[in-house]
Amino acid sequence: MLTNKAIQTNEAEAEPPAKKPFRLNLIASFDLFLLMVLAVFLPLISVLPVPIIRLPLGLVMVLLAPGYALVEALFVDRTDLSFPARVGLSFGLSIAINPLLALIINALPWGLRLWPMTISLGLTIFTFCSLALWRRSKSLTAANLGEVDSGLAGSQNLKIWTRLLTGLGIVVLLGLIGSGGLFLTSIFTETAQTEFYMLNSAGQALNYPRETQIGKPVELKIGMVNHQGANSHYRIEVRSGDQLISQVGSFVLQENERWEQPLVISVNKIQDSQEISIYLLYNENQTPFRQLRLWLKVTN
């Protein structure tokens, strides 16, 4: 006859050991952590003054990262898709996600501009990566830990690849921080440049005239703001090729003074796409200081 103590002991031995939850770590999901860091810095990446950093990272974040993060969120098990299939699907999904995101941003009040697009793309990548991390934490086990990210079976190979990726990530992160510091420094130290702009006859920077007839006047508005640090002499020339069409005589602007004036031009040559160049000349220099362009279809 078993005692109560013996029964309790047998029941305790019969109970299966509690399953330890899998804890996600940097080694298991380094790819997603790296993408999340890059997603946070994406608006800064888009304006980095260092092309050797900006272009490769920009291409990766636009053409690969959104689709890759979504693929990792949908197909957590390494056996679901092979590595080449994941890469190919990542490119395809990225190409599909970006236009859809652009349509949404264009419908919002901010419009399709650089900052709204980069911020929304970064948030999208960050969201997909967060979802993928959550799904990995629910499904990965210690047995397939070595297959995550690289598809390698050996733990030794995993350590080597992890060290390489960690080093690369640190270099990229330091490069982003350093380049971002240089860019922000250049913003605050850069001197203002003289503004030179063209408006339509209603004073708007849109709906410029695109077609006219020979001898028919085309009405525009030309404006500028002097940021040269001193009173300066300017003149404006309007040319079609080497032909001088119109000009505005020499005038003087004080520092930070704004100037706007109607500009009427007429063309006497029939051409489907005639380039009209509007040059701003500074002081006595014969080389154009600023240039604006307008393309006109000239008919009879």
Protein backbone atom coordinates (compact mmCIF):
# COMPACT_ATOMS: atom_id res chain seq x y z
CA MET A 1 0.00 0.00 0.00
CA LEU A 2 1.45 3.29 -1.09
CA THR A 3 1.59 6.15 1.28
CA ASN A 4 0.47 9.65 0.40
CA LYS A 5 4.13 10.71 0.22
CA ALA A 6 4.95 7.94 -2.26
CA ILE A 7 1.93 8.81 -4.42
CA GLN A 8 2.96 12.45 -4.52
CA THR A 9 6.50 11.44 -5.43
CA ASN A 10 5.29 9.21 -8.31
CA GLU A 11 3.02 11.97 -9.61
CA ALA A 12 5.90 14.43 -9.50
CA GLU A 13 8.11 12.03 -11.42
CA ALA A 14 5.36 11.43 -13.98
CA GLU A 15 4.95 15.14 -14.73
CA PRO A 16 7.02 16.24 -17.74
CA PRO A 17 9.64 18.88 -17.05
CA ALA A 18 8.58 22.42 -17.75
CA LYS A 19 9.59 23.58 -21.17
CA LYS A 20 11.93 26.50 -21.05
CA PRO A 21 10.85 29.34 -23.28
CA PHE A 22 13.18 30.19 -26.11
CA ARG A 23 14.79 33.54 -25.61
CA LEU A 24 15.64 35.49 -28.71
CA ASN A 25 19.20 36.79 -28.78
CA LEU A 26 21.45 38.81 -31.02
CA ILE A 27 23.12 35.76 -32.53
CA ALA A 28 19.82 34.15 -33.54
CA SER A 29 18.38 37.25 -35.19
CA PHE A 30 21.28 39.51 -36.03
CA ASP A 31 19.89 40.11 -39.52
CA LEU A 32 16.65 41.55 -38.16
CA PHE A 33 18.36 43.64 -35.48
CA LEU A 34 20.68 45.12 -38.11
CA LEU A 35 17.75 45.98 -40.41
CA MET A 36 15.91 47.62 -37.52
CA VAL A 37 18.91 49.83 -36.78
CA LEU A 38 19.23 50.77 -40.46
CA ALA A 39 15.49 51.46 -40.63
CA VAL A 40 15.80 53.96 -37.78
CA PHE A 41 18.64 55.71 -39.62
CA LEU A 42 16.99 55.50 -43.06
CA PRO A 43 15.98 59.20 -43.28
CA LEU A 44 19.57 60.10 -42.47
CA ILE A 45 20.96 57.56 -44.95
CA SER A 46 18.99 59.19 -47.78
CA VAL A 47 20.77 62.53 -47.34
CA LEU A 48 24.28 61.40 -46.43
CA PRO A 49 26.90 63.44 -48.30
CA VAL A 50 29.02 60.29 -48.74
CA PRO A 51 27.88 58.46 -51.91
CA ILE A 52 29.99 55.37 -51.17
CA ILE A 53 27.83 54.80 -48.07
CA ARG A 54 24.54 56.32 -49.20
CA LEU A 55 24.10 54.45 -52.49
CA PRO A 56 24.74 50.83 -51.37
CA LEU A 57 22.72 51.19 -48.17
CA GLY A 58 19.96 53.04 -49.97
CA LEU A 59 19.65 50.29 -52.59
CA VAL A 60 19.59 47.59 -49.91
CA MET A 61 16.95 49.40 -47.84
CA VAL A 62 14.72 50.06 -50.86
CA LEU A 63 15.11 46.93 -53.00
CA LEU A 64 15.75 44.21 -50.41
CA ALA A 65 14.96 45.15 -46.80
CA PRO A 66 11.13 45.54 -46.92
CA GLY A 67 10.58 42.26 -48.70
CA TYR A 68 13.19 40.41 -46.62
CA ALA A 69 11.60 41.54 -43.34
CA LEU A 70 8.17 40.46 -44.59
CA VAL A 71 9.47 37.08 -45.80
CA GLU A 72 11.10 36.45 -42.40
CA ALA A 73 7.82 37.29 -40.70
CA LEU A 74 5.79 34.94 -42.93
CA PHE A 75 8.22 32.01 -43.26
CA VAL A 76 9.91 31.54 -39.92
CA ASP A 77 10.94 27.92 -40.39
CA ARG A 78 14.14 27.57 -42.42
CA THR A 79 12.69 24.51 -44.15
CA ASP A 80 9.81 26.48 -45.65
CA LEU A 81 12.00 28.29 -48.19
CA SER A 82 15.55 27.85 -49.37
CA PHE A 83 17.98 30.76 -49.08
CA PRO A 84 17.93 31.61 -52.83
CA ALA A 85 14.13 31.51 -52.77
CA ARG A 86 14.06 33.88 -49.80
CA VAL A 87 16.36 36.36 -51.52
CA GLY A 88 14.38 36.26 -54.77
CA LEU A 89 11.07 36.64 -52.97
CA SER A 90 12.52 39.49 -50.91
CA PHE A 91 13.38 41.46 -54.06
CA GLY A 92 9.95 40.77 -55.56
CA LEU A 93 8.05 41.82 -52.45
CA SER A 94 10.18 44.95 -52.03
CA ILE A 95 9.37 46.01 -55.59
CA ALA A 96 5.68 45.46 -54.82
CA ILE A 97 5.72 47.21 -51.42
CA ASN A 98 7.44 50.44 -52.51
CA PRO A 99 4.88 51.56 -55.15
CA LEU A 100 2.01 50.74 -52.79
CA LEU A 101 3.68 52.77 -50.05
CA ALA A 102 4.27 55.63 -52.49
CA LEU A 103 0.57 55.69 -53.43
CA ILE A 104 -0.43 55.87 -49.78
CA ILE A 105 2.05 58.66 -49.01
CA ASN A 106 0.96 60.60 -52.09
CA ALA A 107 -2.66 60.51 -50.88
CA LEU A 108 -1.71 61.94 -47.47
CA PRO A 109 -1.31 65.69 -46.80
CA TRP A 110 2.52 65.46 -46.78
CA GLY A 111 2.66 64.34 -50.42
CA LEU A 112 5.28 62.19 -52.13
CA ARG A 113 8.46 63.81 -50.87
CA LEU A 114 11.80 62.54 -49.58
CA TRP A 115 11.26 62.78 -45.84
CA PRO A 116 7.73 61.31 -45.66
CA MET A 117 8.77 58.45 -47.97
CA THR A 118 11.94 57.55 -46.07
CA ILE A 119 10.23 57.78 -42.68
CA SER A 120 7.30 55.62 -43.80
CA LEU A 121 9.63 53.07 -45.42
CA GLY A 122 11.71 52.92 -42.25
CA LEU A 123 8.58 52.39 -40.13
CA THR A 124 7.41 49.64 -42.50
CA ILE A 125 10.72 47.78 -42.30
CA PHE A 126 10.85 48.23 -38.51
CA THR A 127 7.29 46.88 -38.14
CA PHE A 128 7.95 43.81 -40.31
CA CYS A 129 11.19 43.10 -38.43
CA SER A 130 9.39 43.38 -35.08
CA LEU A 131 6.76 40.92 -36.27
CA ALA A 132 9.46 38.54 -37.51
CA LEU A 133 11.28 38.75 -34.16
CA TRP A 134 8.08 37.97 -32.29
CA ARG A 135 7.35 34.95 -34.51
CA ARG A 136 10.90 33.68 -34.17
CA SER A 137 10.67 33.90 -30.40
CA LYS A 138 7.61 31.65 -30.58
CA SER A 139 8.87 29.06 -33.02
CA LEU A 140 12.65 28.76 -32.92
CA THR A 141 14.30 26.08 -30.78
CA ALA A 142 17.85 25.55 -29.70
CA ALA A 143 18.16 22.74 -32.27
CA ASN A 144 17.78 25.00 -35.29
CA LEU A 145 19.61 27.95 -33.77
CA GLY A 146 22.59 27.30 -36.00
CA GLU A 147 20.45 27.47 -39.13
CA VAL A 148 19.11 30.95 -38.51
CA ASP A 149 20.08 33.66 -40.95
CA SER A 150 22.92 31.86 -42.74
CA GLY A 151 21.49 28.38 -43.16
CA LEU A 152 24.72 26.83 -41.79
CA ALA A 153 24.44 23.70 -39.70
CA GLY A 154 27.65 23.89 -37.67
CA SER A 155 27.87 26.07 -34.59
CA GLN A 156 31.49 26.90 -35.42
CA ASN A 157 30.47 28.31 -38.80
CA LEU A 158 27.70 30.25 -37.11
CA LYS A 159 30.19 31.86 -34.71
CA ILE A 160 32.46 32.89 -37.60
CA TRP A 161 29.61 34.40 -39.61
CA THR A 162 28.20 36.09 -36.53
CA ARG A 163 31.54 37.75 -35.79
CA LEU A 164 31.85 38.92 -39.38
CA LEU A 165 28.32 40.31 -39.44
CA THR A 166 28.78 41.93 -36.04
CA GLY A 167 31.95 43.63 -37.20
CA LEU A 168 30.28 44.75 -40.41
CA GLY A 169 27.31 46.08 -38.49
CA ILE A 170 29.54 48.05 -36.13
CA VAL A 171 31.48 49.54 -39.06
CA VAL A 172 28.25 50.50 -40.84
CA LEU A 173 26.78 52.00 -37.67
CA LEU A 174 29.92 54.01 -36.94
CA GLY A 175 30.00 55.16 -40.56
CA LEU A 176 26.39 56.30 -40.32
CA ILE A 177 26.99 58.20 -37.11
CA GLY A 178 30.17 59.82 -38.41
CA SER A 179 28.70 60.73 -41.79
CA GLY A 180 25.54 61.99 -40.14
CA GLY A 181 27.62 64.21 -37.88
CA LEU A 182 29.47 65.62 -40.89
CA PHE A 183 26.20 66.21 -42.71
CA LEU A 184 24.57 67.98 -39.76
CA THR A 185 27.71 70.07 -39.29
CA SER A 186 27.63 71.08 -42.95
CA ILE A 187 23.97 72.12 -42.60
CA PHE A 188 24.67 74.48 -39.73
CA THR A 189 27.91 75.87 -41.17
CA GLU A 190 26.93 76.18 -44.82
CA THR A 191 26.41 79.74 -46.02
CA ALA A 192 23.13 80.61 -47.70
CA GLN A 193 23.10 80.57 -51.50
CA THR A 194 21.50 83.21 -53.69
CA GLU A 195 18.01 82.11 -54.75
CA PHE A 196 16.99 82.23 -58.41
CA TYR A 197 13.55 80.92 -59.36
CA MET A 198 10.89 80.94 -62.06
CA LEU A 199 7.10 81.14 -61.60
CA ASN A 200 4.18 81.05 -63.98
CA SER A 201 2.20 84.20 -64.80
CA ALA A 202 0.03 83.60 -61.71
CA GLY A 203 3.05 83.52 -59.42
CA GLN A 204 3.00 79.74 -58.84
CA ALA A 205 5.79 77.21 -59.24
CA LEU A 206 3.66 74.89 -61.39
CA ASN A 207 1.74 74.75 -64.68
CA TYR A 208 4.49 76.41 -66.67
CA PRO A 209 3.69 77.15 -70.33
CA ARG A 210 4.64 74.19 -72.53
CA GLU A 211 3.38 75.29 -75.97
CA THR A 212 3.29 78.56 -77.87
CA GLN A 213 3.21 79.99 -81.38
CA ILE A 214 5.82 81.94 -83.31
CA GLY A 215 5.90 85.51 -82.10
CA LYS A 216 3.29 84.93 -79.39
CA PRO A 217 4.50 86.25 -75.99
CA VAL A 218 5.03 83.79 -73.16
CA GLU A 219 4.53 85.34 -69.73
CA LEU A 220 6.59 84.25 -66.72
CA LYS A 221 7.81 85.68 -63.45
CA ILE A 222 11.46 85.67 -62.45
CA GLY A 223 12.62 86.17 -58.89
CA MET A 224 15.71 86.05 -56.77
CA VAL A 225 17.01 86.76 -53.27
CA ASN A 226 20.54 88.07 -52.73
CA HIS A 227 22.53 85.98 -50.22
CA GLN A 228 26.02 86.98 -51.32
CA GLY A 229 26.78 88.81 -48.08
CA ALA A 230 26.95 92.25 -49.71
CA ASN A 231 25.21 94.51 -52.22
CA SER A 232 25.55 92.87 -55.64
CA HIS A 233 24.95 93.66 -59.32
CA TYR A 234 22.90 91.22 -61.39
CA ARG A 235 21.57 90.93 -64.92
CA ILE A 236 19.45 88.30 -66.66
CA GLU A 237 19.73 86.90 -70.16
CA VAL A 238 17.20 84.64 -71.91
CA ARG A 239 18.64 82.54 -74.74
CA SER A 240 17.57 79.83 -77.15
CA GLY A 241 20.83 78.17 -78.06
CA ASP A 242 23.16 81.03 -79.01
CA GLN A 243 20.31 83.42 -79.82
CA LEU A 244 19.59 86.16 -77.27
CA ILE A 245 15.80 86.40 -76.86
CA SER A 246 15.44 88.84 -73.99
CA GLN A 247 17.40 90.42 -71.18
CA VAL A 248 16.92 92.40 -68.00
CA GLY A 249 19.47 95.18 -67.53
CA SER A 250 21.86 95.50 -64.62
CA PHE A 251 20.27 96.03 -61.22
CA VAL A 252 21.55 96.11 -57.65
CA LEU A 253 20.18 94.12 -54.73
CA GLN A 254 21.04 94.63 -51.08
CA GLU A 255 21.85 91.71 -48.83
CA ASN A 256 18.77 89.46 -48.33
CA GLU A 257 16.68 91.68 -50.63
CA ARG A 258 14.03 89.91 -52.70
CA TRP A 259 13.38 90.85 -56.33
CA GLU A 260 10.57 89.69 -58.65
CA GLN A 261 9.62 90.92 -62.10
CA PRO A 262 7.43 89.73 -64.99
CA LEU A 263 9.37 88.30 -67.91
CA VAL A 264 7.85 88.16 -71.40
CA ILE A 265 9.60 86.16 -74.09
CA SER A 266 8.72 85.27 -77.67
CA VAL A 267 10.24 82.65 -79.95
CA ASN A 268 10.52 82.88 -83.76
CA LYS A 269 11.60 79.34 -84.59
CA ILE A 270 9.32 76.30 -85.03
CA GLN A 271 10.50 73.36 -82.94
CA ASP A 272 8.84 70.50 -81.08
CA SER A 273 11.00 70.89 -77.97
CA GLN A 274 12.93 74.13 -77.79
CA GLU A 275 15.08 74.73 -74.73
CA ILE A 276 14.87 78.23 -73.31
CA SER A 277 17.74 79.03 -70.93
CA ILE A 278 17.43 81.84 -68.40
CA TYR A 279 20.83 82.91 -67.08
CA LEU A 280 21.62 84.98 -64.01
CA LEU A 281 24.95 86.82 -64.27
CA TYR A 282 26.66 88.17 -61.17
CA ASN A 283 28.66 91.44 -61.14
CA GLU A 284 30.92 91.64 -64.21
CA ASN A 285 31.27 87.88 -64.71
CA GLN A 286 30.35 86.58 -68.15
CA THR A 287 29.90 83.02 -66.88
CA PRO A 288 26.29 82.35 -65.73
CA PHE A 289 25.94 82.33 -61.96
CA ARG A 290 22.59 80.49 -61.96
CA GLN A 291 20.51 78.90 -64.73
CA LEU A 292 16.85 78.04 -65.24
CA ARG A 293 15.40 76.02 -68.15
CA LEU A 294 12.05 75.97 -69.89
CA TRP A 295 11.07 73.64 -72.77
CA LEU A 296 8.53 74.93 -75.27
CA LYS A 297 6.79 73.38 -78.26
CA VAL A 298 6.68 76.17 -80.84
CA THR A 299 4.11 75.91 -83.66
CA ASN A 300 3.21 78.14 -86.59
